[in-house]
C-alpha atoms as a PDB file:
ATOM      1  CA  MET A   1      33.133 132.358  77.396  1.00  0.00           C
ATOM      2  CA  GLU A   2      36.892 132.863  76.939  1.00  0.00           C
ATOM      3  CA  ILE A   3      38.945 130.925  79.468  1.00  0.00           C
ATOM      4  CA  THR A   4      41.768 132.810  81.204  1.00  0.00           C
ATOM      5  CA  THR A   5      45.084 130.938  81.293  1.00  0.00           C
ATOM      6  CA  TYR A   6      48.590 131.811  82.467  1.00  0.00           C
ATOM      7  CA  ASP A   7      51.939 130.292  81.507  1.00  0.00           C
ATOM      8  CA  SER A   8      53.726 130.701  84.826  1.00  0.00           C
ATOM      9  CA  ILE A   9      53.345 131.544  88.498  1.00  0.00           C
ATOM     10  CA  PRO A  10      54.684 135.120  87.987  1.00  0.00           C
ATOM     11  CA  ASP A  11      52.097 135.675  85.240  1.00  0.00           C
ATOM     12  CA  LEU A  12      49.341 134.248  87.428  1.00  0.00           C
ATOM     13  CA  ILE A  13      50.195 136.461  90.397  1.00  0.00           C
ATOM     14  CA  ALA A  14      50.744 139.508  88.187  1.00  0.00           C
ATOM     15  CA  GLY A  15      47.244 138.972  86.812  1.00  0.00           C
ATOM     16  CA  LEU A  16      45.777 139.328  90.299  1.00  0.00           C
ATOM     17  CA  PRO A  17      43.611 142.477  90.180  1.00  0.00           C
ATOM     18  CA  GLY A  18      42.827 144.690  93.147  1.00  0.00           C
ATOM     19  CA  ASN A  19      40.869 142.958  95.926  1.00  0.00           C
ATOM     20  CA  GLN A  20      40.863 139.683  94.011  1.00  0.00           C
ATOM     21  CA  SER A  21      41.936 136.294  95.338  1.00  0.00           C
ATOM     22  CA  ILE A  22      43.371 133.197  93.691  1.00  0.00           C
ATOM     23  CA  HIS A  23      42.652 129.672  94.894  1.00  0.00           C
ATOM     24  CA  LEU A  24      44.830 127.181  93.072  1.00  0.00           C
ATOM     25  CA  GLU A  25      44.387 123.415  92.837  1.00  0.00           C
ATOM     26  CA  CYS A  26      47.882 121.996  92.356  1.00  0.00           C
ATOM     27  CA  ASN A  27      50.348 119.277  93.315  1.00  0.00           C
ATOM     28  CA  GLN A  28      53.135 119.556  95.882  1.00  0.00           C
ATOM     29  CA  GLU A  29      55.765 120.621  93.350  1.00  0.00           C
ATOM     30  CA  VAL A  30      53.725 123.585  92.119  1.00  0.00           C
ATOM     31  CA  ARG A  31      52.773 124.468  95.691  1.00  0.00           C
ATOM     32  CA  GLU A  32      56.429 124.671  96.686  1.00  0.00           C
ATOM     33  CA  GLU A  33      57.228 126.849  93.664  1.00  0.00           C
ATOM     34  CA  LEU A  34      54.325 129.121  94.535  1.00  0.00           C
ATOM     35  CA  PHE A  35      55.495 129.483  98.132  1.00  0.00           C
ATOM     36  CA  GLU A  36      59.051 130.341  97.075  1.00  0.00           C
ATOM     37  CA  TYR A  37      57.758 132.960  94.662  1.00  0.00           C
ATOM     38  CA  MET A  38      55.466 134.537  97.275  1.00  0.00           C
ATOM     39  CA  ARG A  39      58.224 134.547  99.902  1.00  0.00           C
ATOM     40  CA  GLU A  40      60.634 136.263  97.508  1.00  0.00           C
ATOM     41  CA  HIS A  41      58.182 138.847  96.188  1.00  0.00           C
ATOM     42  CA  ARG A  42      56.018 139.695  99.200  1.00  0.00           C
ATOM     43  CA  SER A  43      57.101 141.570 102.309  1.00  0.00           C
ATOM     44  CA  PRO A  44      56.421 139.761 105.623  1.00  0.00           C
ATOM     45  CA  ARG A  45      55.283 143.127 106.975  1.00  0.00           C
ATOM     46  CA  ASP A  46      52.086 143.035 104.927  1.00  0.00           C
ATOM     47  CA  THR A  47      51.746 139.317 104.127  1.00  0.00           C
ATOM     48  CA  ALA A  48      50.665 136.426 106.359  1.00  0.00           C
ATOM     49  CA  PHE A  49      51.932 132.938 105.547  1.00  0.00           C
ATOM     50  CA  ILE A  50      50.789 129.420 106.347  1.00  0.00           C
ATOM     51  CA  ASN A  51      53.329 126.948 104.982  1.00  0.00           C
ATOM     52  CA  LEU A  52      52.862 123.209 105.557  1.00  0.00           C
ATOM     53  CA  GLN A  53      56.541 122.821 106.403  1.00  0.00           C
ATOM     54  CA  ASP A  54      56.198 125.213 109.349  1.00  0.00           C
ATOM     55  CA  LYS A  55      55.442 123.114 112.431  1.00  0.00           C
ATOM     56  CA  GLY A  56      55.158 126.051 114.804  1.00  0.00           C
ATOM     57  CA  TYR A  57      56.523 126.018 118.332  1.00  0.00           C
ATOM     58  CA  GLU A  58      56.007 122.334 119.068  1.00  0.00           C
ATOM     59  CA  ARG A  59      56.578 122.505 122.830  1.00  0.00           C
ATOM     60  CA  LEU A  60      53.919 125.174 123.378  1.00  0.00           C
ATOM     61  CA  THR A  61      50.297 124.385 124.083  1.00  0.00           C
ATOM     62  CA  VAL A  62      47.679 125.732 121.694  1.00  0.00           C
ATOM     63  CA  SER A  63      46.727 128.422 124.208  1.00  0.00           C
ATOM     64  CA  GLU A  64      50.381 129.441 124.720  1.00  0.00           C
ATOM     65  CA  TYR A  65      50.939 129.542 120.961  1.00  0.00           C
ATOM     66  CA  ILE A  66      47.923 131.780 120.337  1.00  0.00           C
ATOM     67  CA  SER A  67      48.858 133.962 123.332  1.00  0.00           C
ATOM     68  CA  LEU A  68      52.360 134.486 121.904  1.00  0.00           C
ATOM     69  CA  PHE A  69      51.063 135.826 118.585  1.00  0.00           C
ATOM     70  CA  HIS A  70      48.216 137.633 120.335  1.00  0.00           C
ATOM     71  CA  GLY A  71      50.852 139.881 121.880  1.00  0.00           C
ATOM     72  CA  ILE A  72      52.986 140.149 118.739  1.00  0.00           C
ATOM     73  CA  PHE A  73      50.080 141.247 116.544  1.00  0.00           C
ATOM     74  CA  GLY A  74      48.342 143.369 119.188  1.00  0.00           C
ATOM     75  CA  GLU A  75      45.043 141.506 118.762  1.00  0.00           C
ATOM     76  CA  THR A  76      42.039 143.225 120.352  1.00  0.00           C
ATOM     77  CA  ARG A  77      40.006 140.054 120.823  1.00  0.00           C
ATOM     78  CA  SER A  78      40.791 138.036 123.924  1.00  0.00           C
ATOM     79  CA  VAL A  79      42.806 134.841 123.569  1.00  0.00           C
ATOM     80  CA  ASP A  80      39.732 132.837 124.596  1.00  0.00           C
ATOM     81  CA  ALA A  81      37.673 134.564 121.895  1.00  0.00           C
ATOM     82  CA  VAL A  82      40.227 133.636 119.232  1.00  0.00           C
ATOM     83  CA  LEU A  83      40.227 130.031 120.453  1.00  0.00           C
ATOM     84  CA  GLU A  84      36.431 129.909 120.396  1.00  0.00           C
ATOM     85  CA  ASP A  85      36.208 131.434 116.916  1.00  0.00           C
ATOM     86  CA  PHE A  86      38.127 128.491 115.455  1.00  0.00           C
ATOM     87  CA  HIS A  87      36.850 125.743 117.798  1.00  0.00           C
ATOM     88  CA  LEU A  88      40.168 125.392 119.613  1.00  0.00           C
ATOM     89  CA  TYR A  89      39.082 125.936 123.208  1.00  0.00           C
ATOM     90  CA  GLY A  90      38.636 122.223 123.871  1.00  0.00           C
ATOM     91  CA  ILE A  91      42.247 121.489 122.854  1.00  0.00           C
ATOM     92  CA  ARG A  92      43.814 124.647 124.299  1.00  0.00           C
ATOM     93  CA  ARG A  93      46.030 122.659 126.721  1.00  0.00           C
ATOM     94  CA  ARG A  94      47.321 120.247 124.077  1.00  0.00           C
ATOM     95  CA  LYS A  95      50.873 120.724 122.815  1.00  0.00           C
ATOM     96  CA  MET A  96      51.356 121.750 119.206  1.00  0.00           C
ATOM     97  CA  LYS A  97      53.400 118.623 118.461  1.00  0.00           C
ATOM     98  CA  ASP A  98      50.465 116.421 119.492  1.00  0.00           C
ATOM     99  CA  LEU A  99      47.830 118.022 117.255  1.00  0.00           C
ATOM    100  CA  LYS A 100      46.101 116.154 114.452  1.00  0.00           C
ATOM    101  CA  PRO A 101      46.452 117.737 110.965  1.00  0.00           C
ATOM    102  CA  GLY A 102      43.031 119.412 111.078  1.00  0.00           C
ATOM    103  CA  GLU A 103      43.630 120.760 114.578  1.00  0.00           C
ATOM    104  CA  PHE A 104      47.026 122.084 113.568  1.00  0.00           C
ATOM    105  CA  MET A 105      45.555 123.872 110.555  1.00  0.00           C
ATOM    106  CA  LYS A 106      42.816 125.479 112.668  1.00  0.00           C
ATOM    107  CA  THR A 107      45.516 126.726 115.031  1.00  0.00           C
ATOM    108  CA  GLN A 108      47.504 128.211 112.144  1.00  0.00           C
ATOM    109  CA  ILE A 109      44.388 129.910 110.756  1.00  0.00           C
ATOM    110  CA  ALA A 110      43.710 131.332 114.219  1.00  0.00           C
ATOM    111  CA  ARG A 111      47.281 132.669 114.260  1.00  0.00           C
ATOM    112  CA  VAL A 112      47.063 134.520 110.943  1.00  0.00           C
ATOM    113  CA  SER A 113      43.547 135.743 111.756  1.00  0.00           C
ATOM    114  CA  MET A 114      45.203 138.031 114.325  1.00  0.00           C
ATOM    115  CA  GLN A 115      47.532 139.516 111.699  1.00  0.00           C
ATOM    116  CA  ASP A 116      46.178 142.557 109.871  1.00  0.00           C
ATOM    117  CA  ALA A 117      47.728 141.611 106.544  1.00  0.00           C
ATOM    118  CA  GLU A 118      47.114 142.921 103.053  1.00  0.00           C
ATOM    119  CA  LEU A 119      47.582 139.448 101.573  1.00  0.00           C
ATOM    120  CA  TYR A 120      47.267 135.979 103.073  1.00  0.00           C
ATOM    121  CA  TYR A 121      49.145 133.047 101.542  1.00  0.00           C
ATOM    122  CA  LEU A 122      47.630 129.800 102.820  1.00  0.00           C
ATOM    123  CA  GLU A 123      48.513 126.198 101.996  1.00  0.00           C
ATOM    124  CA  GLU A 124      45.662 123.686 102.325  1.00  0.00           C
ATOM    125  CA  PRO A 125      43.513 125.932 104.560  1.00  0.00           C
ATOM    126  CA  LEU A 126      40.450 123.637 104.324  1.00  0.00           C
ATOM    127  CA  ALA A 127      42.115 120.212 104.263  1.00  0.00           C
ATOM    128  CA  ASN A 128      41.337 117.804 107.138  1.00  0.00           C
ATOM    129  CA  LEU A 129      38.706 120.149 108.611  1.00  0.00           C
ATOM    130  CA  ASP A 130      35.258 119.008 109.678  1.00  0.00           C
ATOM    131  CA  GLU A 131      32.209 120.839 108.357  1.00  0.00           C
ATOM    132  CA  GLU A 132      31.945 123.178 111.354  1.00  0.00           C
ATOM    133  CA  ALA A 133      35.603 124.210 111.246  1.00  0.00           C
ATOM    134  CA  MET A 134      35.514 124.598 107.470  1.00  0.00           C
ATOM    135  CA  GLY A 135      32.554 126.960 107.814  1.00  0.00           C
ATOM    136  CA  SER A 136      34.446 129.079 110.350  1.00  0.00           C
ATOM    137  CA  VAL A 137      37.519 129.357 108.146  1.00  0.00           C
ATOM    138  CA  ILE A 138      35.501 130.255 105.036  1.00  0.00           C
ATOM    139  CA  LYS A 139      33.564 132.858 107.047  1.00  0.00           C
ATOM    140  CA  TRP A 140      36.827 134.450 108.221  1.00  0.00           C
ATOM    141  CA  ILE A 141      38.219 134.493 104.666  1.00  0.00           C
ATOM    142  CA  GLU A 142      35.019 136.140 103.405  1.00  0.00           C
ATOM    143  CA  GLU A 143      35.167 138.777 106.148  1.00  0.00           C
ATOM    144  CA  ARG A 144      38.809 139.623 105.480  1.00  0.00           C
ATOM    145  CA  TRP A 145      38.181 139.665 101.710  1.00  0.00           C
ATOM    146  CA  GLU A 146      35.235 142.039 102.155  1.00  0.00           C
ATOM    147  CA  ALA A 147      37.517 144.239 104.272  1.00  0.00           C
ATOM    148  CA  GLY A 148      39.946 144.535 101.344  1.00  0.00           C
ATOM    149  CA  ALA A 149      42.454 141.728 101.970  1.00  0.00           C
ATOM    150  CA  GLN A 150      43.592 139.365  99.215  1.00  0.00           C
ATOM    151  CA  PHE A 151      44.214 135.635  99.394  1.00  0.00           C
ATOM    152  CA  VAL A 152      46.415 133.226  97.493  1.00  0.00           C
ATOM    153  CA  THR A 153      45.777 129.625  98.486  1.00  0.00           C
ATOM    154  CA  ALA A 154      47.263 126.316  97.322  1.00  0.00           C
ATOM    155  CA  ASN A 155      44.927 123.315  97.528  1.00  0.00           C
ATOM    156  CA  SER A 156      45.078 119.620  96.706  1.00  0.00           C
ATOM    157  CA  SER A 157      41.354 119.604  95.930  1.00  0.00           C
ATOM    158  CA  LEU A 158      39.494 121.692  93.366  1.00  0.00           C
ATOM    159  CA  ARG A 159      36.451 121.508  95.607  1.00  0.00           C
ATOM    160  CA  TYR A 160      38.297 123.412  98.330  1.00  0.00           C
ATOM    161  CA  ALA A 161      39.440 126.029  95.817  1.00  0.00           C
ATOM    162  CA  LEU A 162      35.868 126.577  94.660  1.00  0.00           C
ATOM    163  CA  LEU A 163      34.475 126.957  98.181  1.00  0.00           C
ATOM    164  CA  MET A 164      36.415 130.150  98.909  1.00  0.00           C
ATOM    165  CA  PRO A 165      35.607 133.624  97.578  1.00  0.00           C
ATOM    166  CA  GLY A 166      37.758 134.570  94.601  1.00  0.00           C
ATOM    167  CA  THR A 167      38.868 132.871  91.392  1.00  0.00           C
ATOM    168  CA  ALA A 168      39.734 129.179  91.229  1.00  0.00           C
ATOM    169  CA  PHE A 169      42.511 127.868  88.983  1.00  0.00           C
ATOM    170  CA  TYR A 170      43.917 124.432  88.231  1.00  0.00           C
ATOM    171  CA  VAL A 171      47.159 123.269  86.625  1.00  0.00           C
ATOM    172  CA  GLU A 172      47.084 121.320  83.380  1.00  0.00           C
ATOM    173  CA  ASP A 173      49.786 120.910  80.711  1.00  0.00           C
ATOM    174  CA  SER A 174      52.066 123.254  82.728  1.00  0.00           C
ATOM    175  CA  ARG A 175      49.529 126.065  82.409  1.00  0.00           C
ATOM    176  CA  PHE A 176      47.205 127.669  84.923  1.00  0.00           C
ATOM    177  CA  TRP A 177      43.564 127.484  83.847  1.00  0.00           C
ATOM    178  CA  GLU A 178      40.755 129.507  85.354  1.00  0.00           C
ATOM    179  CA  VAL A 179      37.814 127.321  86.341  1.00  0.00           C
ATOM    180  CA  GLU A 180      34.872 128.055  84.097  1.00  0.00           C
ATOM    181  CA  ARG A 181      31.755 129.244  85.870  1.00  0.00           C
ATOM    182  CA  ASP A 182      28.585 128.780  83.879  1.00  0.00           C
ATOM    183  CA  GLU A 183      26.325 131.750  84.659  1.00  0.00           C
ATOM    184  CA  GLU A 184      23.203 129.706  83.981  1.00  0.00           C
ATOM    185  CA  GLU A 185      24.459 126.945  86.246  1.00  0.00           C
ATOM    186  CA  GLU A 186      25.165 129.380  89.067  1.00  0.00           C
ATOM    187  CA  THR A 187      21.522 130.482  89.130  1.00  0.00           C
ATOM    188  CA  LYS A 188      20.192 126.969  89.767  1.00  0.00           C
ATOM    189  CA  GLY A 189      18.953 125.968  93.204  1.00  0.00           C
ATOM    190  CA  GLU A 190      21.258 124.287  95.677  1.00  0.00           C
ATOM    191  CA  GLU A 191      19.389 120.978  95.478  1.00  0.00           C
ATOM    192  CA  GLU A 192      19.721 120.804  91.699  1.00  0.00           C
ATOM    193  CA  LEU A 193      23.422 121.614  91.841  1.00  0.00           C
ATOM    194  CA  GLU A 194      23.992 118.818  94.334  1.00  0.00           C
ATOM    195  CA  ILE A 195      22.526 116.279  91.899  1.00  0.00           C
ATOM    196  CA  LEU A 196      25.073 117.291  89.279  1.00  0.00           C
ATOM    197  CA  LYS A 197      28.023 116.522  91.540  1.00  0.00           C
ATOM    198  CA  ILE A 198      29.561 113.077  91.832  1.00  0.00           C
ATOM    199  CA  PRO A 199      30.779 111.970  95.288  1.00  0.00           C
ATOM    200  CA  ALA A 200      34.104 110.157  95.572  1.00  0.00           C
ATOM    201  CA  LYS A 201      36.507 109.211  98.342  1.00  0.00           C
ATOM    202  CA  SER A 202      39.882 110.786  99.054  1.00  0.00           C
ATOM    203  CA  GLY A 203      41.324 109.160 102.159  1.00  0.00           C
ATOM    204  CA  ASN A 204      38.756 109.651 104.915  1.00  0.00           C
ATOM    205  CA  SER A 205      37.110 112.565 103.126  1.00  0.00           C
ATOM    206  CA  THR A 206      34.302 112.634 100.579  1.00  0.00           C
ATOM    207  CA  LEU A 207      34.799 115.046  97.678  1.00  0.00           C
ATOM    208  CA  LEU A 208      32.135 116.272  95.265  1.00  0.00           C
ATOM    209  CA  PHE A 209      33.219 116.611  91.635  1.00  0.00           C
ATOM    210  CA  GLU A 210      31.397 118.475  88.916  1.00  0.00           C
ATOM    211  CA  PRO A 211      31.107 116.485  85.656  1.00  0.00           C
ATOM    212  CA  ARG A 212      33.195 119.021  83.722  1.00  0.00           C
ATOM    213  CA  ASP A 213      36.173 118.287  86.013  1.00  0.00           C
ATOM    214  CA  ILE A 214      36.057 114.524  85.342  1.00  0.00           C
ATOM    215  CA  ASP A 215      38.149 113.208  82.434  1.00  0.00           C
ATOM    216  CA  TYR A 216      36.633 109.728  82.449  1.00  0.00           C
ATOM    217  CA  VAL A 217      35.107 107.049  84.674  1.00  0.00           C
ATOM    218  CA  GLU A 218      36.810 103.672  84.832  1.00  0.00           C
ATOM    219  CA  SER A 219      35.527 100.395  86.243  1.00  0.00           C
ATOM    220  CA  MET A 220      38.144  97.918  87.455  1.00  0.00           C
ATOM    221  CA  ASN A 221      38.248  95.151  90.042  1.00  0.00           C
ATOM    222  CA  LYS A 222      34.531  95.657  90.722  1.00  0.00           C
ATOM    223  CA  CYS A 223      35.117  99.298  91.756  1.00  0.00           C
ATOM    224  CA  ASN A 224      34.437 102.544  89.894  1.00  0.00           C
ATOM    225  CA  TYR A 225      36.892 105.439  89.767  1.00  0.00           C
ATOM    226  CA  LEU A 226      36.679 109.052  88.623  1.00  0.00           C
ATOM    227  CA  SER A 227      39.796 110.313  86.841  1.00  0.00           C
ATOM    228  CA  VAL A 228      40.366 113.994  87.637  1.00  0.00           C
ATOM    229  CA  ARG A 229      43.563 115.465  86.148  1.00  0.00           C
ATOM    230  CA  GLY A 230      45.503 112.238  86.454  1.00  0.00           C
ATOM    231  CA  THR A 231      44.270 111.169  89.909  1.00  0.00           C
ATOM    232  CA  LEU A 232      41.748 108.366  90.488  1.00  0.00           C
ATOM    233  CA  TYR A 233      39.041 108.794  93.140  1.00  0.00           C
ATOM    234  CA  GLN A 234      36.838 105.861  94.067  1.00  0.00           C
ATOM    235  CA  THR A 235      33.080 106.373  93.900  1.00  0.00           C
ATOM    236  CA  GLN A 236      30.399 104.113  95.336  1.00  0.00           C
ATOM    237  CA  GLN A 237      27.924 104.825  92.544  1.00  0.00           C
ATOM    238  CA  PRO A 238      27.384 101.916  90.133  1.00  0.00           C
ATOM    239  CA  MET A 239      28.314 102.400  86.492  1.00  0.00           C
ATOM    240  CA  TYR A 240      24.720 102.365  85.247  1.00  0.00           C
ATOM    241  CA  GLU A 241      23.822 105.261  87.588  1.00  0.00           C
ATOM    242  CA  LEU A 242      26.919 107.197  86.558  1.00  0.00           C
ATOM    243  CA  GLU A 243      26.066 106.670  82.903  1.00  0.00           C
ATOM    244  CA  GLU A 244      22.512 107.929  83.421  1.00  0.00           C
ATOM    245  CA  VAL A 245      23.634 111.074  85.257  1.00  0.00           C
ATOM    246  CA  LEU A 246      26.725 111.891  83.209  1.00  0.00           C
ATOM    247  CA  LYS A 247      25.248 111.405  79.742  1.00  0.00           C
ATOM    248  CA  LYS A 248      23.418 114.702  80.335  1.00  0.00           C
ATOM    249  CA  ALA A 249      26.826 116.311  80.828  1.00  0.00           C
ATOM    250  CA  GLY A 250      28.332 115.037  77.578  1.00  0.00           C
ATOM    251  CA  PHE A 251      29.741 111.662  78.632  1.00  0.00           C
ATOM    252  CA  PHE A 252      29.800 108.666  76.284  1.00  0.00           C
ATOM    253  CA  ARG A 253      30.105 105.017  77.296  1.00  0.00           C
ATOM    254  CA  CYS A 254      32.678 103.822  74.793  1.00  0.00           C
ATOM    255  CA  HIS A 255      33.253 100.512  76.597  1.00  0.00           C
ATOM    256  CA  ARG A 256      31.510  98.576  79.349  1.00  0.00           C
ATOM    257  CA  SER A 257      34.270  99.734  81.707  1.00  0.00           C
ATOM    258  CA  TYR A 258      34.634 103.350  80.540  1.00  0.00           C
ATOM    259  CA  LEU A 259      32.622 106.558  80.482  1.00  0.00           C
ATOM    260  CA  VAL A 260      34.471 109.311  78.625  1.00  0.00           C
ATOM    261  CA  ASN A 261      33.978 113.085  78.849  1.00  0.00           C
ATOM    262  CA  ILE A 262      33.606 114.017  75.167  1.00  0.00           C
ATOM    263  CA  GLN A 263      34.542 117.668  75.869  1.00  0.00           C
ATOM    264  CA  LYS A 264      37.906 116.559  77.275  1.00  0.00           C
ATOM    265  CA  VAL A 265      38.536 114.431  74.199  1.00  0.00           C
ATOM    266  CA  GLU A 266      37.741 117.382  71.927  1.00  0.00           C
ATOM    267  CA  ARG A 267      40.185 119.605  73.840  1.00  0.00           C
ATOM    268  CA  ALA A 268      42.936 116.981  73.540  1.00  0.00           C
ATOM    269  CA  LEU A 269      42.377 116.795  69.773  1.00  0.00           C
END
């Protein structure tokens, strides 16, 4: 299958077909460039934005904040219904400045959910969310996408990009690469797919990486790490288990401390 790549953010966005969405795994620098491009080229009348630098109205409570935009956007749901949809009712009296990162993101998602936009630009929409909140956000994105809206999201994790409906991309060698989706792999059962994913830690979160996204596995200081596009993620699986699982995905143990993805080596050559 031919892999779609783009040389720049304008090319990537220009390649966005009707009713299609882009979910990009990228670093902070690319995310900031993407936001500037979207702000310059999209009208605020038909585009909703969540930017990590926007801290909202910090002195308002969550309920007051949602009520403010409820009136601005002419939302037909009640304020309480919006709060319930995104699991915010229990923190409705808390001030915006006192919210934890996941709570703040849920509040921002609730805000843009009341805006009938043609396109939604969201930064880290799934980061720091628990499983229940993540499910609610993905459900809302799916509903808006099915209704004809488009999404452009910037994510620090490829896993988050792959969870949302649309096309996932990652940045490598200053190019934007579409994530390959193996049709045969997509038809496998959920249990089998889970076996082919390697868990690793990122802060307090556990991420699941597909073997094709791992460059190599390194063992150092009695710990094992997955290298994914230049970032190391610690995994609790011992090297012998990783070798047994990953050899089926084209990995070779070239050293007692290294498992290398042969496909990545071939691409580099």
